Amino acid sequence: MSYKVTKVETASEKFQTFEDLEVYKIAREFRKAMYGVTRRLPDFEKYELASQIRRAAVSLTNNMAEGHGRFHYPDQTRFFLHSRGSLQELVGDLNVCVDEKYLSSDEVAKLKEQARGLLILINCYLRHLRNRCSIVRESDGEDPQLIDGLEDLPL
């Protein structure tokens, strides 16, 4: 049995992959900025704070990517909540950087402002996902066979 995949043209094809999401693009820029921070930390922080920042920064964007790839809106929401948690972890790490005088207060303030803007975008996207989730639940599944059939398709 084979499946023919055809592209469905719509009036407004704003995005098709996670890379097209504005929230992901902004998160990616923030991840790059945080990687820049790790390169400026003292050598003795290489395996501690720097490693922690890199893991949280990658988690920020990877959870967005994985969540976007999930079929169900509640799954997508859960992964974006993880991204939001990683973002908050990075803000905490910035506090360590300023407390230990690894970065200036002005630099940290700019990065925190960038994080605040990203947090707003993540929250907006979460609101969008939650609204989509409630629409799906309220619709009573106009074509439940179509939805059931999608889950059976080979990947």
Protein backbone atom coordinates (compact mmCIF):
# COMPACT_ATOMS: atom_id res chain seq x y z
CA MET A 1 0.00 0.00 0.00
CA SER A 2 1.38 3.43 -0.86
CA TYR A 3 0.31 6.94 0.00
CA LYS A 4 0.46 9.87 -2.33
CA VAL A 5 1.34 13.09 -0.59
CA THR A 6 -0.01 16.21 -2.20
CA LYS A 7 0.44 19.76 -1.07
CA VAL A 8 -2.72 21.54 -0.08
CA GLU A 9 -2.58 25.17 -1.13
CA THR A 10 -4.10 27.61 1.31
CA ALA A 11 -4.67 31.33 1.17
CA SER A 12 -2.27 32.07 4.00
CA GLU A 13 0.65 29.67 4.29
CA LYS A 14 2.45 31.54 7.06
CA PHE A 15 4.58 28.63 8.28
CA GLN A 16 5.02 24.95 7.69
CA THR A 17 7.88 23.98 9.97
CA PHE A 18 9.03 25.01 13.42
CA GLU A 19 11.82 27.02 11.76
CA ASP A 20 9.18 29.36 10.35
CA LEU A 21 7.71 30.20 13.75
CA GLU A 22 8.64 33.69 14.89
CA VAL A 23 8.96 32.45 18.48
CA TYR A 24 11.52 29.86 17.36
CA LYS A 25 13.52 32.43 15.38
CA ILE A 26 13.74 34.72 18.41
CA ALA A 27 14.60 31.78 20.69
CA ARG A 28 17.36 30.76 18.30
CA GLU A 29 18.89 34.26 18.50
CA PHE A 30 18.72 34.15 22.29
CA ARG A 31 20.36 30.72 22.30
CA LYS A 32 23.22 32.14 20.23
CA ALA A 33 23.59 35.05 22.66
CA MET A 34 23.74 32.65 25.60
CA TYR A 35 26.37 30.54 23.82
CA GLY A 36 28.34 33.77 23.49
CA VAL A 37 28.08 34.21 27.25
CA THR A 38 29.56 30.75 27.83
CA ARG A 39 32.63 31.60 25.76
CA ARG A 40 33.36 34.50 28.11
CA LEU A 41 33.11 32.61 31.38
CA PRO A 42 36.26 31.72 33.36
CA ASP A 43 37.92 28.42 32.55
CA PHE A 44 36.92 26.87 35.87
CA GLU A 45 33.25 27.35 34.89
CA LYS A 46 33.74 25.44 31.62
CA TYR A 47 32.24 22.20 32.94
CA GLU A 48 29.84 23.76 35.42
CA LEU A 49 27.97 26.95 34.63
CA ALA A 50 28.92 27.08 30.94
CA SER A 51 27.76 23.52 30.41
CA GLN A 52 24.50 24.21 32.26
CA ILE A 53 23.83 27.32 30.16
CA ARG A 54 24.48 25.46 26.91
CA ARG A 55 22.15 22.61 27.88
CA ALA A 56 19.35 24.99 28.88
CA ALA A 57 19.83 27.07 25.72
CA VAL A 58 19.62 24.00 23.49
CA SER A 59 16.63 22.74 25.46
CA LEU A 60 14.90 26.07 24.82
CA THR A 61 14.90 25.61 21.04
CA ASN A 62 14.81 21.80 20.88
CA ASN A 63 11.61 21.62 22.91
CA MET A 64 9.99 24.07 20.50
CA ALA A 65 11.04 21.90 17.57
CA GLU A 66 9.86 18.68 19.18
CA GLY A 67 6.60 20.22 20.37
CA HIS A 68 5.82 21.56 16.92
CA GLY A 69 6.28 18.05 15.56
CA ARG A 70 3.64 16.57 17.86
CA PHE A 71 0.21 15.78 16.48
CA HIS A 72 -1.86 16.75 19.51
CA TYR A 73 -2.09 20.29 20.84
CA PRO A 74 -1.71 19.23 24.50
CA ASP A 75 1.63 17.61 23.59
CA GLN A 76 2.73 20.75 21.79
CA THR A 77 1.73 22.81 24.82
CA ARG A 78 3.73 20.60 27.17
CA PHE A 79 6.91 21.00 25.12
CA PHE A 80 6.51 24.77 24.90
CA LEU A 81 6.06 24.84 28.68
CA HIS A 82 9.43 23.05 28.91
CA SER A 83 10.92 25.72 26.64
CA ARG A 84 9.55 28.40 28.93
CA GLY A 85 11.12 26.64 31.90
CA SER A 86 14.49 26.50 30.12
CA LEU A 87 14.23 30.21 29.40
CA GLN A 88 13.63 30.96 33.07
CA GLU A 89 16.59 28.74 33.97
CA LEU A 90 18.77 30.84 31.67
CA VAL A 91 17.60 34.02 33.40
CA GLY A 92 18.66 32.42 36.68
CA ASP A 93 22.04 31.64 35.16
CA LEU A 94 22.37 35.28 34.13
CA ASN A 95 21.87 36.19 37.78
CA VAL A 96 24.84 33.98 38.64
CA CYS A 97 26.89 35.74 35.96
CA VAL A 98 26.17 39.17 37.40
CA ASP A 99 26.51 38.05 41.03
CA GLU A 100 29.92 36.53 40.33
CA LYS A 101 30.90 39.52 38.15
CA TYR A 102 31.41 37.41 35.03
CA LEU A 103 29.31 39.93 33.08
CA SER A 104 28.45 43.56 33.68
CA SER A 105 25.03 44.52 35.03
CA ASP A 106 24.30 46.36 31.77
CA GLU A 107 25.03 43.27 29.65
CA VAL A 108 22.86 41.10 31.86
CA ALA A 109 20.06 43.67 31.79
CA LYS A 110 20.09 43.62 27.96
CA LEU A 111 20.01 39.82 27.89
CA LYS A 112 17.20 39.76 30.44
CA GLU A 113 15.23 42.22 28.32
CA GLN A 114 15.72 39.92 25.34
CA ALA A 115 14.54 37.00 27.50
CA ARG A 116 11.49 38.97 28.63
CA GLY A 117 10.48 39.59 25.01
CA LEU A 118 10.93 35.90 24.24
CA LEU A 119 8.86 34.95 27.30
CA ILE A 120 6.01 37.10 25.99
CA LEU A 121 6.17 35.34 22.61
CA ILE A 122 6.22 31.90 24.22
CA ASN A 123 3.22 32.81 26.36
CA CYS A 124 1.36 34.09 23.28
CA TYR A 125 2.11 30.87 21.41
CA LEU A 126 0.97 28.82 24.41
CA ARG A 127 -2.29 30.80 24.44
CA HIS A 128 -2.68 30.06 20.72
CA LEU A 129 -2.11 26.33 21.32
CA ARG A 130 -4.57 26.24 24.21
CA ASN A 131 -7.20 27.98 22.09
CA ARG A 132 -6.62 25.47 19.27
CA CYS A 133 -6.91 22.64 21.79
CA SER A 134 -10.28 23.88 23.03
CA ILE A 135 -11.53 24.33 19.45
CA VAL A 136 -10.62 20.73 18.67
CA ARG A 137 -12.40 19.50 21.79
CA GLU A 138 -15.49 21.60 21.11
CA SER A 139 -15.78 20.54 17.47
CA ASP A 140 -16.89 17.00 18.36
CA GLY A 141 -14.69 15.83 15.47
CA GLU A 142 -16.59 16.57 12.29
CA ASP A 143 -14.64 13.80 10.58
CA PRO A 144 -13.29 11.44 13.27
CA GLN A 145 -12.24 8.86 10.66
CA LEU A 146 -9.86 11.39 9.13
CA ILE A 147 -8.22 12.07 12.50
CA ASP A 148 -8.04 8.36 13.37
CA GLY A 149 -6.60 7.60 9.95
CA LEU A 150 -3.80 10.14 10.38
CA GLU A 151 -2.47 8.31 13.41
CA ASP A 152 -2.19 5.08 11.41
CA LEU A 153 -0.04 6.56 8.63
CA PRO A 154 3.53 5.26 8.50
CA LEU A 155 6.20 7.84 9.27
